[in-house]
PDB file of N, CA and C in Angstrom:
ATOM      1  N   MET A   1       2.895 -13.613 -16.060  1.00  0.00           N
ATOM      2  CA  MET A   1       1.626 -13.886 -16.429  1.00  0.00           C
ATOM      3  C   MET A   1       1.238 -14.649 -17.403  1.00  0.00           C
ATOM      4  N   ILE A   2       0.203 -15.975 -17.400  1.00  0.00           N
ATOM      5  CA  ILE A   2      -0.287 -16.819 -17.957  1.00  0.00           C
ATOM      6  C   ILE A   2      -1.009 -16.006 -19.080  1.00  0.00           C
ATOM      7  N   CYS A   3      -1.993 -15.299 -18.553  1.00  0.00           N
ATOM      8  CA  CYS A   3      -2.929 -14.534 -19.006  1.00  0.00           C
ATOM      9  C   CYS A   3      -2.155 -13.988 -20.249  1.00  0.00           C
ATOM     10  N   PHE A   4      -1.482 -12.916 -19.924  1.00  0.00           N
ATOM     11  CA  PHE A   4      -0.574 -12.144 -20.916  1.00  0.00           C
ATOM     12  C   PHE A   4       0.194 -12.910 -22.016  1.00  0.00           C
ATOM     13  N   ARG A   5       0.687 -13.678 -21.515  1.00  0.00           N
ATOM     14  CA  ARG A   5       1.744 -14.691 -22.632  1.00  0.00           C
ATOM     15  C   ARG A   5       0.677 -15.371 -23.584  1.00  0.00           C
ATOM     16  N   ARG A   6      -0.664 -15.800 -23.064  1.00  0.00           N
ATOM     17  CA  ARG A   6      -1.191 -16.400 -24.443  1.00  0.00           C
ATOM     18  C   ARG A   6      -2.162 -15.583 -24.920  1.00  0.00           C
ATOM     19  N   ALA A   7      -2.296 -14.317 -24.799  1.00  0.00           N
ATOM     20  CA  ALA A   7      -2.761 -13.150 -25.275  1.00  0.00           C
ATOM     21  C   ALA A   7      -1.814 -12.755 -26.192  1.00  0.00           C
ATOM     22  N   VAL A   8      -0.581 -12.566 -25.889  1.00  0.00           N
ATOM     23  CA  VAL A   8       0.331 -12.124 -26.689  1.00  0.00           C
ATOM     24  C   VAL A   8       0.065 -13.551 -28.118  1.00  0.00           C
ATOM     25  N   ALA A   9       0.453 -14.536 -27.843  1.00  0.00           N
ATOM     26  CA  ALA A   9       0.685 -15.414 -28.807  1.00  0.00           C
ATOM     27  C   ALA A   9      -0.614 -15.639 -29.508  1.00  0.00           C
ATOM     28  N   VAL A  10      -1.483 -15.385 -29.174  1.00  0.00           N
ATOM     29  CA  VAL A  10      -2.860 -15.700 -29.946  1.00  0.00           C
ATOM     30  C   VAL A  10      -3.229 -14.013 -30.652  1.00  0.00           C
ATOM     31  N   VAL A  11      -3.177 -13.099 -29.917  1.00  0.00           N
ATOM     32  CA  VAL A  11      -3.655 -11.921 -30.736  1.00  0.00           C
ATOM     33  C   VAL A  11      -3.216 -10.710 -31.180  1.00  0.00           C
ATOM     34  N   GLY A  12      -1.906 -10.831 -30.487  1.00  0.00           N
ATOM     35  CA  GLY A  12      -0.802  -9.850 -30.257  1.00  0.00           C
ATOM     36  C   GLY A  12      -0.843  -8.750 -29.737  1.00  0.00           C
ATOM     37  N   LEU A  13      -0.272  -7.809 -29.222  1.00  0.00           N
ATOM     38  CA  LEU A  13       0.441  -6.954 -27.822  1.00  0.00           C
ATOM     39  C   LEU A  13      -1.167  -6.041 -27.640  1.00  0.00           C
ATOM     40  N   SER A  14      -1.858  -5.484 -28.697  1.00  0.00           N
ATOM     41  CA  SER A  14      -2.571  -4.195 -28.530  1.00  0.00           C
ATOM     42  C   SER A  14      -3.719  -5.261 -27.716  1.00  0.00           C
ATOM     43  N   ALA A  15      -4.155  -6.275 -28.236  1.00  0.00           N
ATOM     44  CA  ALA A  15      -5.368  -7.246 -27.568  1.00  0.00           C
ATOM     45  C   ALA A  15      -4.642  -7.372 -26.191  1.00  0.00           C
ATOM     46  N   ALA A  16      -3.567  -7.863 -26.315  1.00  0.00           N
ATOM     47  CA  ALA A  16      -2.984  -8.593 -24.698  1.00  0.00           C
ATOM     48  C   ALA A  16      -3.168  -7.353 -23.932  1.00  0.00           C
ATOM     49  N   ALA A  17      -2.831  -6.148 -24.328  1.00  0.00           N
ATOM     50  CA  ALA A  17      -3.205  -5.001 -22.880  1.00  0.00           C
ATOM     51  C   ALA A  17      -4.450  -4.750 -22.686  1.00  0.00           C
ATOM     52  N   ALA A  18      -5.361  -4.892 -23.584  1.00  0.00           N
ATOM     53  CA  ALA A  18      -6.856  -4.996 -23.379  1.00  0.00           C
ATOM     54  C   ALA A  18      -7.406  -5.880 -22.476  1.00  0.00           C
ATOM     55  N   GLY A  19      -6.652  -6.978 -22.662  1.00  0.00           N
ATOM     56  CA  GLY A  19      -6.983  -8.262 -21.856  1.00  0.00           C
ATOM     57  C   GLY A  19      -6.307  -8.427 -20.291  1.00  0.00           C
ATOM     58  N   LEU A  20      -5.343  -7.549 -20.143  1.00  0.00           N
ATOM     59  CA  LEU A  20      -4.971  -7.552 -18.716  1.00  0.00           C
ATOM     60  C   LEU A  20      -5.821  -7.245 -17.647  1.00  0.00           C
ATOM     61  N   VAL A  21      -6.572  -6.523 -17.779  1.00  0.00           N
ATOM     62  CA  VAL A  21      -7.715  -6.155 -16.838  1.00  0.00           C
ATOM     63  C   VAL A  21      -8.617  -7.512 -16.343  1.00  0.00           C
ATOM     64  N   GLY A  22      -8.979  -8.536 -16.948  1.00  0.00           N
ATOM     65  CA  GLY A  22      -9.387  -9.634 -16.628  1.00  0.00           C
ATOM     66  C   GLY A  22      -8.304 -10.620 -16.170  1.00  0.00           C
ATOM     67  N   CYS A  23      -7.056 -10.656 -16.315  1.00  0.00           N
ATOM     68  CA  CYS A  23      -6.043 -11.620 -15.797  1.00  0.00           C
ATOM     69  C   CYS A  23      -6.014 -11.707 -14.548  1.00  0.00           C
ATOM     70  N   GLY A  24      -5.846 -10.985 -13.581  1.00  0.00           N
ATOM     71  CA  GLY A  24      -5.956 -10.808 -12.262  1.00  0.00           C
ATOM     72  C   GLY A  24      -4.373 -10.925 -11.873  1.00  0.00           C
ATOM     73  N   GLY A  25      -4.124 -10.587 -10.441  1.00  0.00           N
ATOM     74  CA  GLY A  25      -2.474 -10.602 -10.119  1.00  0.00           C
ATOM     75  C   GLY A  25      -1.921 -10.034 -10.937  1.00  0.00           C
ATOM     76  N   GLY A  26      -0.405  -9.797 -10.764  1.00  0.00           N
ATOM     77  CA  GLY A  26       0.448  -9.643 -11.486  1.00  0.00           C
ATOM     78  C   GLY A  26       1.142  -8.192 -11.110  1.00  0.00           C
ATOM     79  N   GLY A  27       1.444  -7.461 -12.250  1.00  0.00           N
ATOM     80  CA  GLY A  27       2.154  -6.123 -12.549  1.00  0.00           C
ATOM     81  C   GLY A  27       2.137  -5.436 -11.626  1.00  0.00           C
ATOM     82  N   SER A  28       1.263  -4.387 -11.132  1.00  0.00           N
ATOM     83  CA  SER A  28       1.551  -3.538 -10.623  1.00  0.00           C
ATOM     84  C   SER A  28       1.102  -3.425  -8.697  1.00  0.00           C
ATOM     85  N   THR A  29       2.076  -3.224  -8.209  1.00  0.00           N
ATOM     86  CA  THR A  29       1.807  -3.290  -6.510  1.00  0.00           C
ATOM     87  C   THR A  29       0.777  -2.579  -6.224  1.00  0.00           C
ATOM     88  N   THR A  30       0.640  -1.511  -6.961  1.00  0.00           N
ATOM     89  CA  THR A  30      -0.576  -0.301  -6.311  1.00  0.00           C
ATOM     90  C   THR A  30      -1.610  -0.276  -7.394  1.00  0.00           C
ATOM     91  N   PRO A  31      -2.683  -0.731  -6.846  1.00  0.00           N
ATOM     92  CA  PRO A  31      -3.537  -0.131  -7.806  1.00  0.00           C
ATOM     93  C   PRO A  31      -3.345   1.224  -8.332  1.00  0.00           C
ATOM     94  N   THR A  32      -4.389   1.324  -9.940  1.00  0.00           N
ATOM     95  CA  THR A  32      -4.234   2.713 -10.343  1.00  0.00           C
ATOM     96  C   THR A  32      -5.026   3.314  -9.414  1.00  0.00           C
ATOM     97  N   THR A  33      -6.314   3.078  -9.143  1.00  0.00           N
ATOM     98  CA  THR A  33      -7.152   4.114  -8.203  1.00  0.00           C
ATOM     99  C   THR A  33      -6.728   4.663  -7.027  1.00  0.00           C
ATOM    100  N   LEU A  34      -6.041   4.698  -6.468  1.00  0.00           N
ATOM    101  CA  LEU A  34      -5.188   4.939  -5.288  1.00  0.00           C
ATOM    102  C   LEU A  34      -4.736   6.259  -5.610  1.00  0.00           C
ATOM    103  N   GLY A  35      -4.476   6.988  -4.548  1.00  0.00           N
ATOM    104  CA  GLY A  35      -3.853   8.305  -4.985  1.00  0.00           C
ATOM    105  C   GLY A  35      -2.668   8.296  -4.665  1.00  0.00           C
ATOM    106  N   PRO A  36      -1.768   9.441  -4.865  1.00  0.00           N
ATOM    107  CA  PRO A  36      -0.294   9.767  -4.718  1.00  0.00           C
ATOM    108  C   PRO A  36       0.218   9.184  -3.308  1.00  0.00           C
ATOM    109  N   ASN A  37      -0.738   9.658  -2.213  1.00  0.00           N
ATOM    110  CA  ASN A  37      -0.419   9.314  -1.092  1.00  0.00           C
ATOM    111  C   ASN A  37      -1.067   8.264  -0.213  1.00  0.00           C
ATOM    112  N   SER A  38      -0.994   7.087  -1.025  1.00  0.00           N
ATOM    113  CA  SER A  38      -1.693   5.864  -0.656  1.00  0.00           C
ATOM    114  C   SER A  38      -0.416   5.100  -0.260  1.00  0.00           C
ATOM    115  N   ASP A  39      -0.566   4.097   0.740  1.00  0.00           N
ATOM    116  CA  ASP A  39       0.261   2.755   0.785  1.00  0.00           C
ATOM    117  C   ASP A  39      -0.436   1.504   1.075  1.00  0.00           C
ATOM    118  N   VAL A  40      -0.064   0.337   0.336  1.00  0.00           N
ATOM    119  CA  VAL A  40      -1.144  -1.036   0.130  1.00  0.00           C
ATOM    120  C   VAL A  40       0.212  -1.815   1.026  1.00  0.00           C
ATOM    121  N   ILE A  41      -0.878  -2.353   1.886  1.00  0.00           N
ATOM    122  CA  ILE A  41      -0.526  -3.296   2.998  1.00  0.00           C
ATOM    123  C   ILE A  41      -0.675  -4.554   1.949  1.00  0.00           C
ATOM    124  N   LYS A  42       0.438  -5.269   1.704  1.00  0.00           N
ATOM    125  CA  LYS A  42       0.430  -6.449   0.923  1.00  0.00           C
ATOM    126  C   LYS A  42       1.636  -7.171   0.993  1.00  0.00           C
ATOM    127  N   ASN A  43       1.394  -8.769   0.733  1.00  0.00           N
ATOM    128  CA  ASN A  43       2.600  -9.644   1.173  1.00  0.00           C
ATOM    129  C   ASN A  43       3.564  -9.356   2.281  1.00  0.00           C
ATOM    130  N   ILE A  44       3.093  -8.798   3.264  1.00  0.00           N
ATOM    131  CA  ILE A  44       3.313  -8.868   4.902  1.00  0.00           C
ATOM    132  C   ILE A  44       4.568  -7.691   4.764  1.00  0.00           C
ATOM    133  N   ALA A  45       4.031  -6.267   3.810  1.00  0.00           N
ATOM    134  CA  ALA A  45       4.823  -5.194   3.637  1.00  0.00           C
ATOM    135  C   ALA A  45       4.179  -3.904   3.473  1.00  0.00           C
ATOM    136  N   PHE A  46       4.536  -3.032   3.880  1.00  0.00           N
ATOM    137  CA  PHE A  46       4.596  -1.352   3.417  1.00  0.00           C
ATOM    138  C   PHE A  46       4.589  -1.042   1.935  1.00  0.00           C
ATOM    139  N   ILE A  47       3.755  -0.720   1.128  1.00  0.00           N
ATOM    140  CA  ILE A  47       4.086  -0.674  -0.418  1.00  0.00           C
ATOM    141  C   ILE A  47       3.729   0.797  -0.984  1.00  0.00           C
ATOM    142  N   PRO A  48       4.767   1.758  -0.730  1.00  0.00           N
ATOM    143  CA  PRO A  48       5.916   1.706  -0.888  1.00  0.00           C
ATOM    144  C   PRO A  48       6.548   1.602   1.067  1.00  0.00           C
ATOM    145  N   SER A  49       7.669   1.234   0.957  1.00  0.00           N
ATOM    146  CA  SER A  49       8.477   1.341   2.327  1.00  0.00           C
ATOM    147  C   SER A  49       8.878   2.899   2.940  1.00  0.00           C
ATOM    148  N   THR A  50       8.835   3.642   1.979  1.00  0.00           N
ATOM    149  CA  THR A  50       9.042   4.936   1.982  1.00  0.00           C
ATOM    150  C   THR A  50       8.474   6.192   1.529  1.00  0.00           C
ATOM    151  N   MET A  51       8.028   7.099   1.763  1.00  0.00           N
ATOM    152  CA  MET A  51       7.347   8.153   1.008  1.00  0.00           C
ATOM    153  C   MET A  51       7.347   9.055   1.911  1.00  0.00           C
ATOM    154  N   SER A  52       7.281  10.231   0.858  1.00  0.00           N
ATOM    155  CA  SER A  52       7.596  11.681   1.285  1.00  0.00           C
ATOM    156  C   SER A  52       6.351  12.416   0.881  1.00  0.00           C
ATOM    157  N   VAL A  53       5.836  13.141   1.981  1.00  0.00           N
ATOM    158  CA  VAL A  53       4.477  13.907   1.889  1.00  0.00           C
ATOM    159  C   VAL A  53       4.825  15.368   2.555  1.00  0.00           C
ATOM    160  N   LYS A  54       3.684  16.434   2.366  1.00  0.00           N
ATOM    161  CA  LYS A  54       4.206  17.388   2.838  1.00  0.00           C
ATOM    162  C   LYS A  54       3.230  17.632   3.902  1.00  0.00           C
ATOM    163  N   VAL A  55       3.749  18.816   4.976  1.00  0.00           N
ATOM    164  CA  VAL A  55       2.547  18.839   6.101  1.00  0.00           C
ATOM    165  C   VAL A  55       1.108  19.513   5.540  1.00  0.00           C
ATOM    166  N   GLY A  56       0.421  18.680   6.032  1.00  0.00           N
ATOM    167  CA  GLY A  56      -1.309  18.931   5.529  1.00  0.00           C
ATOM    168  C   GLY A  56      -1.724  17.852   4.620  1.00  0.00           C
ATOM    169  N   ASP A  57      -0.832  16.922   4.356  1.00  0.00           N
ATOM    170  CA  ASP A  57      -1.129  15.600   3.399  1.00  0.00           C
ATOM    171  C   ASP A  57      -1.665  14.537   4.164  1.00  0.00           C
ATOM    172  N   THR A  58      -2.745  13.515   3.362  1.00  0.00           N
ATOM    173  CA  THR A  58      -3.074  12.895   4.176  1.00  0.00           C
ATOM    174  C   THR A  58      -2.939  11.490   3.356  1.00  0.00           C
ATOM    175  N   VAL A  59      -2.120  10.579   4.468  1.00  0.00           N
ATOM    176  CA  VAL A  59      -1.948   9.517   3.798  1.00  0.00           C
ATOM    177  C   VAL A  59      -2.833   8.117   4.008  1.00  0.00           C
ATOM    178  N   THR A  60      -3.558   7.332   2.910  1.00  0.00           N
ATOM    179  CA  THR A  60      -4.167   6.310   3.163  1.00  0.00           C
ATOM    180  C   THR A  60      -3.708   5.023   3.280  1.00  0.00           C
ATOM    181  N   TRP A  61      -4.002   4.340   4.171  1.00  0.00           N
ATOM    182  CA  TRP A  61      -3.291   2.725   3.766  1.00  0.00           C
ATOM    183  C   TRP A  61      -4.423   1.951   3.234  1.00  0.00           C
ATOM    184  N   VAL A  62      -4.186   1.104   2.675  1.00  0.00           N
ATOM    185  CA  VAL A  62      -5.527   0.020   2.291  1.00  0.00           C
ATOM    186  C   VAL A  62      -4.838  -1.312   2.409  1.00  0.00           C
ATOM    187  N   TRP A  63      -5.805  -2.175   3.072  1.00  0.00           N
ATOM    188  CA  TRP A  63      -5.078  -3.583   3.231  1.00  0.00           C
ATOM    189  C   TRP A  63      -5.738  -4.413   1.935  1.00  0.00           C
ATOM    190  N   LYS A  64      -4.669  -5.014   1.372  1.00  0.00           N
ATOM    191  CA  LYS A  64      -4.609  -6.309   0.276  1.00  0.00           C
ATOM    192  C   LYS A  64      -3.791  -7.347   0.464  1.00  0.00           C
ATOM    193  N   ASP A  65      -3.852  -7.796   1.845  1.00  0.00           N
ATOM    194  CA  ASP A  65      -3.359  -9.166   2.465  1.00  0.00           C
ATOM    195  C   ASP A  65      -4.109 -10.260   2.464  1.00  0.00           C
ATOM    196  N   GLY A  66      -5.437 -10.451   1.923  1.00  0.00           N
ATOM    197  CA  GLY A  66      -6.093 -11.147   2.281  1.00  0.00           C
ATOM    198  C   GLY A  66      -6.558 -11.453   3.532  1.00  0.00           C
ATOM    199  N   SER A  67      -6.211 -12.701   4.019  1.00  0.00           N
ATOM    200  CA  SER A  67      -6.724 -12.891   5.442  1.00  0.00           C
ATOM    201  C   SER A  67      -5.643 -12.551   6.708  1.00  0.00           C
ATOM    202  N   ILE A  68      -4.339 -11.989   6.044  1.00  0.00           N
ATOM    203  CA  ILE A  68      -3.657 -11.966   7.248  1.00  0.00           C
ATOM    204  C   ILE A  68      -3.897 -10.526   7.898  1.00  0.00           C
ATOM    205  N   PRO A  69      -3.952 -10.405   9.043  1.00  0.00           N
ATOM    206  CA  PRO A  69      -4.248  -9.239   9.519  1.00  0.00           C
ATOM    207  C   PRO A  69      -2.995  -8.338   9.984  1.00  0.00           C
ATOM    208  N   HIS A  70      -2.980  -6.876   9.810  1.00  0.00           N
ATOM    209  CA  HIS A  70      -2.180  -5.912   9.963  1.00  0.00           C
ATOM    210  C   HIS A  70      -2.775  -4.813  10.644  1.00  0.00           C
ATOM    211  N   ASN A  71      -2.227  -3.877  11.109  1.00  0.00           N
ATOM    212  CA  ASN A  71      -2.509  -2.461  11.601  1.00  0.00           C
ATOM    213  C   ASN A  71      -1.239  -1.738  11.395  1.00  0.00           C
ATOM    214  N   VAL A  72      -1.622  -0.617  11.468  1.00  0.00           N
ATOM    215  CA  VAL A  72      -0.557   0.959  11.231  1.00  0.00           C
ATOM    216  C   VAL A  72      -0.353   1.247  12.658  1.00  0.00           C
ATOM    217  N   ASN A  73       1.016   1.519  13.018  1.00  0.00           N
ATOM    218  CA  ASN A  73       1.291   1.673  14.477  1.00  0.00           C
ATOM    219  C   ASN A  73       2.853   2.817  14.154  1.00  0.00           C
ATOM    220  N   GLY A  74       2.362   4.008  14.424  1.00  0.00           N
ATOM    221  CA  GLY A  74       3.508   4.925  14.266  1.00  0.00           C
ATOM    222  C   GLY A  74       3.546   5.490  15.587  1.00  0.00           C
ATOM    223  N   LYS A  75       3.127   5.190  16.750  1.00  0.00           N
ATOM    224  CA  LYS A  75       2.917   5.708  18.245  1.00  0.00           C
ATOM    225  C   LYS A  75       4.291   5.998  18.464  1.00  0.00           C
ATOM    226  N   ALA A  76       5.598   5.333  18.161  1.00  0.00           N
ATOM    227  CA  ALA A  76       6.705   5.524  18.728  1.00  0.00           C
ATOM    228  C   ALA A  76       7.154   7.022  18.405  1.00  0.00           C
ATOM    229  N   THR A  77       6.854   7.734  17.035  1.00  0.00           N
ATOM    230  CA  THR A  77       6.934   8.707  16.609  1.00  0.00           C
ATOM    231  C   THR A  77       5.642   9.994  16.790  1.00  0.00           C
ATOM    232  N   LEU A  78       4.374   9.567  16.501  1.00  0.00           N
ATOM    233  CA  LEU A  78       3.222  10.489  16.685  1.00  0.00           C
ATOM    234  C   LEU A  78       2.534   9.597  17.432  1.00  0.00           C
ATOM    235  N   PRO A  79       2.051   9.922  18.787  1.00  0.00           N
ATOM    236  CA  PRO A  79       1.048   9.158  19.621  1.00  0.00           C
ATOM    237  C   PRO A  79      -0.219   8.666  18.751  1.00  0.00           C
ATOM    238  N   ASP A  80      -0.679   9.392  18.241  1.00  0.00           N
ATOM    239  CA  ASP A  80      -1.848   9.617  17.780  1.00  0.00           C
ATOM    240  C   ASP A  80      -2.323   8.723  15.900  1.00  0.00           C
ATOM    241  N   LEU A  81      -1.017   8.188  15.791  1.00  0.00           N
ATOM    242  CA  LEU A  81      -0.853   7.253  14.548  1.00  0.00           C
ATOM    243  C   LEU A  81      -0.749   6.234  14.780  1.00  0.00           C
ATOM    244  N   TYR A  82      -2.041   5.440  14.897  1.00  0.00           N
ATOM    245  CA  TYR A  82      -2.506   4.170  15.225  1.00  0.00           C
ATOM    246  C   TYR A  82      -3.703   3.928  14.442  1.00  0.00           C
ATOM    247  N   SER A  83      -3.622   2.613  13.893  1.00  0.00           N
ATOM    248  CA  SER A  83      -5.164   2.349  13.382  1.00  0.00           C
ATOM    249  C   SER A  83      -5.729   1.183  14.045  1.00  0.00           C
ATOM    250  N   GLY A  84      -5.342   1.238  14.988  1.00  0.00           N
ATOM    251  CA  GLY A  84      -6.077   0.550  16.184  1.00  0.00           C
ATOM    252  C   GLY A  84      -5.734  -1.430  15.979  1.00  0.00           C
ATOM    253  N   ASN A  85      -6.363  -2.110  16.781  1.00  0.00           N
ATOM    254  CA  ASN A  85      -6.287  -3.711  16.298  1.00  0.00           C
ATOM    255  C   ASN A  85      -5.972  -4.214  15.156  1.00  0.00           C
ATOM    256  N   PRO A  86      -5.359  -4.915  14.702  1.00  0.00           N
ATOM    257  CA  PRO A  86      -4.639  -5.457  13.303  1.00  0.00           C
ATOM    258  C   PRO A  86      -6.142  -6.156  12.806  1.00  0.00           C
ATOM    259  N   LYS A  87      -6.406  -5.784  11.582  1.00  0.00           N
ATOM    260  CA  LYS A  87      -7.385  -6.368  10.952  1.00  0.00           C
ATOM    261  C   LYS A  87      -6.950  -6.885   9.391  1.00  0.00           C
ATOM    262  N   THR A  88      -7.832  -7.248   8.636  1.00  0.00           N
ATOM    263  CA  THR A  88      -7.629  -7.590   7.073  1.00  0.00           C
ATOM    264  C   THR A  88      -8.307  -7.018   6.346  1.00  0.00           C
ATOM    265  N   ALA A  89      -8.929  -6.394   6.334  1.00  0.00           N
ATOM    266  CA  ALA A  89      -9.537  -5.437   5.540  1.00  0.00           C
ATOM    267  C   ALA A  89      -9.574  -3.931   5.638  1.00  0.00           C
ATOM    268  N   GLY A  90      -9.948  -3.392   4.364  1.00  0.00           N
ATOM    269  CA  GLY A  90     -10.307  -1.704   4.810  1.00  0.00           C
ATOM    270  C   GLY A  90      -9.137  -0.664   4.721  1.00  0.00           C
ATOM    271  N   THR A  91      -9.539   0.539   5.341  1.00  0.00           N
ATOM    272  CA  THR A  91      -8.571   1.357   4.956  1.00  0.00           C
ATOM    273  C   THR A  91      -8.389   2.356   6.133  1.00  0.00           C
ATOM    274  N   TYR A  92      -7.314   2.913   6.310  1.00  0.00           N
ATOM    275  CA  TYR A  92      -6.744   4.068   7.557  1.00  0.00           C
ATOM    276  C   TYR A  92      -6.218   5.263   6.893  1.00  0.00           C
ATOM    277  N   GLN A  93      -6.626   6.272   7.192  1.00  0.00           N
ATOM    278  CA  GLN A  93      -6.087   7.580   6.895  1.00  0.00           C
ATOM    279  C   GLN A  93      -5.518   8.512   8.257  1.00  0.00           C
ATOM    280  N   TYR A  94      -4.532   9.053   7.625  1.00  0.00           N
ATOM    281  CA  TYR A  94      -3.804   9.835   8.848  1.00  0.00           C
ATOM    282  C   TYR A  94      -3.206  11.260   8.041  1.00  0.00           C
ATOM    283  N   THR A  95      -3.599  12.593   8.732  1.00  0.00           N
ATOM    284  CA  THR A  95      -3.117  13.573   8.378  1.00  0.00           C
ATOM    285  C   THR A  95      -2.180  13.933   8.888  1.00  0.00           C
ATOM    286  N   PHE A  96      -0.848  14.246   8.242  1.00  0.00           N
ATOM    287  CA  PHE A  96       0.571  14.412   9.063  1.00  0.00           C
ATOM    288  C   PHE A  96       0.375  16.184   8.915  1.00  0.00           C
ATOM    289  N   ARG A  97       0.342  16.747  10.436  1.00  0.00           N
ATOM    290  CA  ARG A  97       0.457  18.069  10.780  1.00  0.00           C
ATOM    291  C   ARG A  97       1.795  18.425  11.143  1.00  0.00           C
ATOM    292  N   GLN A  98       2.808  17.880  11.242  1.00  0.00           N
ATOM    293  CA  GLN A  98       4.062  18.515  11.743  1.00  0.00           C
ATOM    294  C   GLN A  98       5.221  17.973  10.631  1.00  0.00           C
ATOM    295  N   ALA A  99       6.167  18.851  10.276  1.00  0.00           N
ATOM    296  CA  ALA A  99       7.435  17.924   9.756  1.00  0.00           C
ATOM    297  C   ALA A  99       8.257  17.260  10.427  1.00  0.00           C
ATOM    298  N   GLY A 100       8.859  16.382   9.412  1.00  0.00           N
ATOM    299  CA  GLY A 100       9.716  15.292  10.147  1.00  0.00           C
ATOM    300  C   GLY A 100       9.737  14.046   9.817  1.00  0.00           C
ATOM    301  N   THR A 101      10.562  13.232   9.976  1.00  0.00           N
ATOM    302  CA  THR A 101      10.517  11.345   9.631  1.00  0.00           C
ATOM    303  C   THR A 101      10.109  10.638  10.578  1.00  0.00           C
ATOM    304  N   PHE A 102       8.607   9.952  10.241  1.00  0.00           N
ATOM    305  CA  PHE A 102       7.763   9.335  11.644  1.00  0.00           C
ATOM    306  C   PHE A 102       8.090   7.567  10.857  1.00  0.00           C
ATOM    307  N   HIS A 103       8.015   6.884  11.741  1.00  0.00           N
ATOM    308  CA  HIS A 103       8.154   5.605  11.457  1.00  0.00           C
ATOM    309  C   HIS A 103       7.085   4.649  11.835  1.00  0.00           C
ATOM    310  N   VAL A 104       6.721   3.992  10.825  1.00  0.00           N
ATOM    311  CA  VAL A 104       5.234   3.026  10.661  1.00  0.00           C
ATOM    312  C   VAL A 104       5.777   1.388  10.921  1.00  0.00           C
ATOM    313  N   THR A 105       4.961   0.795  11.794  1.00  0.00           N
ATOM    314  CA  THR A 105       5.119  -0.632  11.978  1.00  0.00           C
ATOM    315  C   THR A 105       3.835  -1.334  12.208  1.00  0.00           C
ATOM    316  N   CYS A 106       3.938  -3.063  11.993  1.00  0.00           N
ATOM    317  CA  CYS A 106       2.741  -3.510  12.296  1.00  0.00           C
ATOM    318  C   CYS A 106       3.197  -4.111  13.499  1.00  0.00           C
ATOM    319  N   ASP A 107       1.929  -4.155  14.331  1.00  0.00           N
ATOM    320  CA  ASP A 107       2.157  -4.600  15.796  1.00  0.00           C
ATOM    321  C   ASP A 107       2.139  -6.400  15.349  1.00  0.00           C
ATOM    322  N   VAL A 108       1.663  -6.951  14.364  1.00  0.00           N
ATOM    323  CA  VAL A 108       1.924  -8.425  14.397  1.00  0.00           C
ATOM    324  C   VAL A 108       2.702  -8.612  13.539  1.00  0.00           C
ATOM    325  N   HIS A 109       3.524  -7.872  12.629  1.00  0.00           N
ATOM    326  CA  HIS A 109       4.794  -8.469  11.626  1.00  0.00           C
ATOM    327  C   HIS A 109       5.823  -7.301  12.383  1.00  0.00           C
ATOM    328  N   THR A 110       6.660  -7.333  13.089  1.00  0.00           N
ATOM    329  CA  THR A 110       7.304  -6.491  13.538  1.00  0.00           C
ATOM    330  C   THR A 110       8.625  -6.433  12.621  1.00  0.00           C
ATOM    331  N   SER A 111       8.448  -6.913  11.535  1.00  0.00           N
ATOM    332  CA  SER A 111       9.947  -6.433  10.323  1.00  0.00           C
ATOM    333  C   SER A 111       8.998  -6.026   9.360  1.00  0.00           C
ATOM    334  N   MET A 112       7.825  -5.295   9.266  1.00  0.00           N
ATOM    335  CA  MET A 112       7.257  -4.547   8.308  1.00  0.00           C
ATOM    336  C   MET A 112       7.348  -3.024   8.731  1.00  0.00           C
ATOM    337  N   HIS A 113       8.071  -2.018   7.710  1.00  0.00           N
ATOM    338  CA  HIS A 113       8.498  -0.699   8.325  1.00  0.00           C
ATOM    339  C   HIS A 113       8.258  -0.047   7.270  1.00  0.00           C
ATOM    340  N   LEU A 114       7.861   1.290   7.397  1.00  0.00           N
ATOM    341  CA  LEU A 114       7.642   2.241   6.700  1.00  0.00           C
ATOM    342  C   LEU A 114       8.052   3.640   7.537  1.00  0.00           C
ATOM    343  N   THR A 115       8.409   4.258   6.370  1.00  0.00           N
ATOM    344  CA  THR A 115       9.240   5.663   6.700  1.00  0.00           C
ATOM    345  C   THR A 115       8.447   6.668   6.009  1.00  0.00           C
ATOM    346  N   VAL A 116       8.105   7.517   6.807  1.00  0.00           N
ATOM    347  CA  VAL A 116       7.330   8.661   5.999  1.00  0.00           C
ATOM    348  C   VAL A 116       7.846  10.083   6.587  1.00  0.00           C
ATOM    349  N   ASN A 117       8.601  10.626   5.125  1.00  0.00           N
ATOM    350  CA  ASN A 117       9.038  12.116   5.539  1.00  0.00           C
ATOM    351  C   ASN A 117       8.422  12.958   5.013  1.00  0.00           C
ATOM    352  N   VAL A 118       8.014  13.892   5.952  1.00  0.00           N
ATOM    353  CA  VAL A 118       7.016  14.790   5.781  1.00  0.00           C
ATOM    354  C   VAL A 118       7.777  16.172   5.885  1.00  0.00           C
ATOM    355  N   SER A 119       7.596  17.097   4.685  1.00  0.00           N
ATOM    356  CA  SER A 119       8.155  18.329   4.742  1.00  0.00           C
ATOM    357  C   SER A 119       7.337  19.569   4.560  1.00  0.00           C
TER     358      SER A 119
END
């Protein structure tokens, strides 16, 4: 991150930490404002690609891949786990009501996989 290196060189580590907010891009693959049961769609991937939740938990998928369209399709293991037609922005939520291992893909990018383990 160029912003980080400049800040360290000029004003030291504490100022760099404060200045990271304005640098854009970089470090974290999941914004800190998302809850623990969130999955980010970015870089043509589900991040994380495996998650564990409890029965009754709601998972939120957040589109963060610019103009690249995606969807959430888990119909192979849960018929109603489907976000609809591919889109480039927004969120989708699904509440898992039964235990098991469920697989999610993207209709556009079949290499995208997510496994949700529900206990």
